[in-house]
Amino acid sequence: MALGYKTRRRLSLLVLLIGLPLYIVAAVTVVNWLDRPPIWMELLVYVGLGFLWMMPLRSVFLGVGQADPDAPTSDKADAPE
């Protein structure tokens, strides 16, 4: 089932405002459980967790920054002023 444009926009906003901060807290908690690893390993864990959160949500964020493809087009918007 494909999500509509407005649904994807709302869901992406929800993920960025609520889900991402919660994920950041969880990532910091996981790194704190590792009992202070070397800085390079800590960096690898953060980079890995940074990519991990966005992979399942890629379809939600895809095309959200573009104009609404379902919006009606008007000739006034295309006319030069």
C-alpha atoms as a PDB file:
ATOM      1  CA  MET A   1       0.000   0.000   0.000  1.00  0.00           C
ATOM      2  CA  ALA A   2       1.509   3.294  -1.111  1.00  0.00           C
ATOM      3  CA  LEU A   3       1.305   6.280   1.187  1.00  0.00           C
ATOM      4  CA  GLY A   4      -0.073   9.545  -0.135  1.00  0.00           C
ATOM      5  CA  TYR A   5       2.038  12.683  -0.308  1.00  0.00           C
ATOM      6  CA  LYS A   6       0.361  14.429   2.637  1.00  0.00           C
ATOM      7  CA  THR A   7       0.519  11.269   4.727  1.00  0.00           C
ATOM      8  CA  ARG A   8       4.248  10.907   4.035  1.00  0.00           C
ATOM      9  CA  ARG A   9       4.825  14.574   4.943  1.00  0.00           C
ATOM     10  CA  ARG A  10       2.977  14.208   8.242  1.00  0.00           C
ATOM     11  CA  LEU A  11       4.650  10.910   9.055  1.00  0.00           C
ATOM     12  CA  SER A  12       8.116  12.269   8.259  1.00  0.00           C
ATOM     13  CA  LEU A  13       7.483  15.282  10.505  1.00  0.00           C
ATOM     14  CA  LEU A  14       6.343  12.972  13.296  1.00  0.00           C
ATOM     15  CA  VAL A  15       9.437  10.795  12.876  1.00  0.00           C
ATOM     16  CA  LEU A  16      11.797  13.783  12.881  1.00  0.00           C
ATOM     17  CA  LEU A  17      10.212  15.569  15.859  1.00  0.00           C
ATOM     18  CA  ILE A  18       9.443  12.606  18.122  1.00  0.00           C
ATOM     19  CA  GLY A  19      11.087   9.451  16.811  1.00  0.00           C
ATOM     20  CA  LEU A  20      14.552  10.788  16.050  1.00  0.00           C
ATOM     21  CA  PRO A  21      15.156  12.344  19.502  1.00  0.00           C
ATOM     22  CA  LEU A  22      14.038   9.088  21.121  1.00  0.00           C
ATOM     23  CA  TYR A  23      16.372   7.155  18.819  1.00  0.00           C
ATOM     24  CA  ILE A  24      19.266   9.476  19.735  1.00  0.00           C
ATOM     25  CA  VAL A  25      18.668   8.837  23.442  1.00  0.00           C
ATOM     26  CA  ALA A  26      18.608   5.095  22.748  1.00  0.00           C
ATOM     27  CA  ALA A  27      21.847   5.290  20.717  1.00  0.00           C
ATOM     28  CA  VAL A  28      23.652   7.199  23.476  1.00  0.00           C
ATOM     29  CA  THR A  29      22.391   4.664  26.005  1.00  0.00           C
ATOM     30  CA  VAL A  30      23.748   1.784  23.897  1.00  0.00           C
ATOM     31  CA  VAL A  31      27.166   3.451  23.636  1.00  0.00           C
ATOM     32  CA  ASN A  32      27.212   4.091  27.388  1.00  0.00           C
ATOM     33  CA  TRP A  33      26.633   0.367  27.971  1.00  0.00           C
ATOM     34  CA  LEU A  34      29.853  -0.376  26.067  1.00  0.00           C
ATOM     35  CA  ASP A  35      31.929   0.811  29.040  1.00  0.00           C
ATOM     36  CA  ARG A  36      33.762   3.672  27.241  1.00  0.00           C
ATOM     37  CA  PRO A  37      35.190   2.087  24.088  1.00  0.00           C
ATOM     38  CA  PRO A  38      38.014   3.726  22.100  1.00  0.00           C
ATOM     39  CA  ILE A  39      36.957   6.881  20.254  1.00  0.00           C
ATOM     40  CA  TRP A  40      37.180   5.227  16.819  1.00  0.00           C
ATOM     41  CA  MET A  41      34.850   2.413  17.903  1.00  0.00           C
ATOM     42  CA  GLU A  42      32.449   4.892  19.456  1.00  0.00           C
ATOM     43  CA  LEU A  43      32.427   6.852  16.187  1.00  0.00           C
ATOM     44  CA  LEU A  44      31.749   3.671  14.189  1.00  0.00           C
ATOM     45  CA  VAL A  45      28.832   2.780  16.462  1.00  0.00           C
ATOM     46  CA  TYR A  46      27.307   6.258  16.092  1.00  0.00           C
ATOM     47  CA  VAL A  47      27.742   6.236  12.302  1.00  0.00           C
ATOM     48  CA  GLY A  48      26.275   2.739  12.064  1.00  0.00           C
ATOM     49  CA  LEU A  49      23.290   3.646  14.243  1.00  0.00           C
ATOM     50  CA  GLY A  50      22.900   6.866  12.231  1.00  0.00           C
ATOM     51  CA  PHE A  51      22.425   4.891   9.031  1.00  0.00           C
ATOM     52  CA  LEU A  52      20.344   2.207  10.733  1.00  0.00           C
ATOM     53  CA  TRP A  53      17.483   4.539  11.698  1.00  0.00           C
ATOM     54  CA  MET A  54      16.938   5.867   8.204  1.00  0.00           C
ATOM     55  CA  MET A  55      17.014   2.635   6.192  1.00  0.00           C
ATOM     56  CA  PRO A  56      13.519   1.386   7.122  1.00  0.00           C
ATOM     57  CA  LEU A  57      12.083   4.917   6.772  1.00  0.00           C
ATOM     58  CA  ARG A  58      13.571   5.697   3.370  1.00  0.00           C
ATOM     59  CA  SER A  59      10.243   5.338   1.577  1.00  0.00           C
ATOM     60  CA  VAL A  60       8.631   7.811   3.987  1.00  0.00           C
ATOM     61  CA  PHE A  61      11.192  10.547   3.314  1.00  0.00           C
ATOM     62  CA  LEU A  62      11.517   9.948  -0.432  1.00  0.00           C
ATOM     63  CA  GLY A  63      10.161  12.967  -2.344  1.00  0.00           C
ATOM     64  CA  VAL A  64       8.848  14.848   0.692  1.00  0.00           C
ATOM     65  CA  GLY A  65      10.822  17.979  -0.207  1.00  0.00           C
ATOM     66  CA  GLN A  66       9.295  18.120  -3.679  1.00  0.00           C
ATOM     67  CA  ALA A  67       6.082  19.863  -4.671  1.00  0.00           C
ATOM     68  CA  ASP A  68       2.835  17.965  -4.145  1.00  0.00           C
ATOM     69  CA  PRO A  69       2.334  15.817  -7.251  1.00  0.00           C
ATOM     70  CA  ASP A  70      -1.419  15.565  -6.559  1.00  0.00           C
ATOM     71  CA  ALA A  71      -1.973  19.325  -6.306  1.00  0.00           C
ATOM     72  CA  PRO A  72      -3.916  20.920  -9.129  1.00  0.00           C
ATOM     73  CA  THR A  73      -1.803  23.082 -11.393  1.00  0.00           C
ATOM     74  CA  SER A  74      -2.873  26.587 -12.241  1.00  0.00           C
ATOM     75  CA  ASP A  75      -1.932  28.619 -15.299  1.00  0.00           C
ATOM     76  CA  LYS A  76      -1.372  31.737 -13.130  1.00  0.00           C
ATOM     77  CA  ALA A  77       1.616  30.130 -11.431  1.00  0.00           C
ATOM     78  CA  ASP A  78       3.330  29.559 -14.785  1.00  0.00           C
ATOM     79  CA  ALA A  79       2.657  33.021 -16.230  1.00  0.00           C
ATOM     80  CA  PRO A  80       5.516  35.543 -16.066  1.00  0.00           C
ATOM     81  CA  GLU A  81       4.871  38.740 -14.131  1.00  0.00           C
END
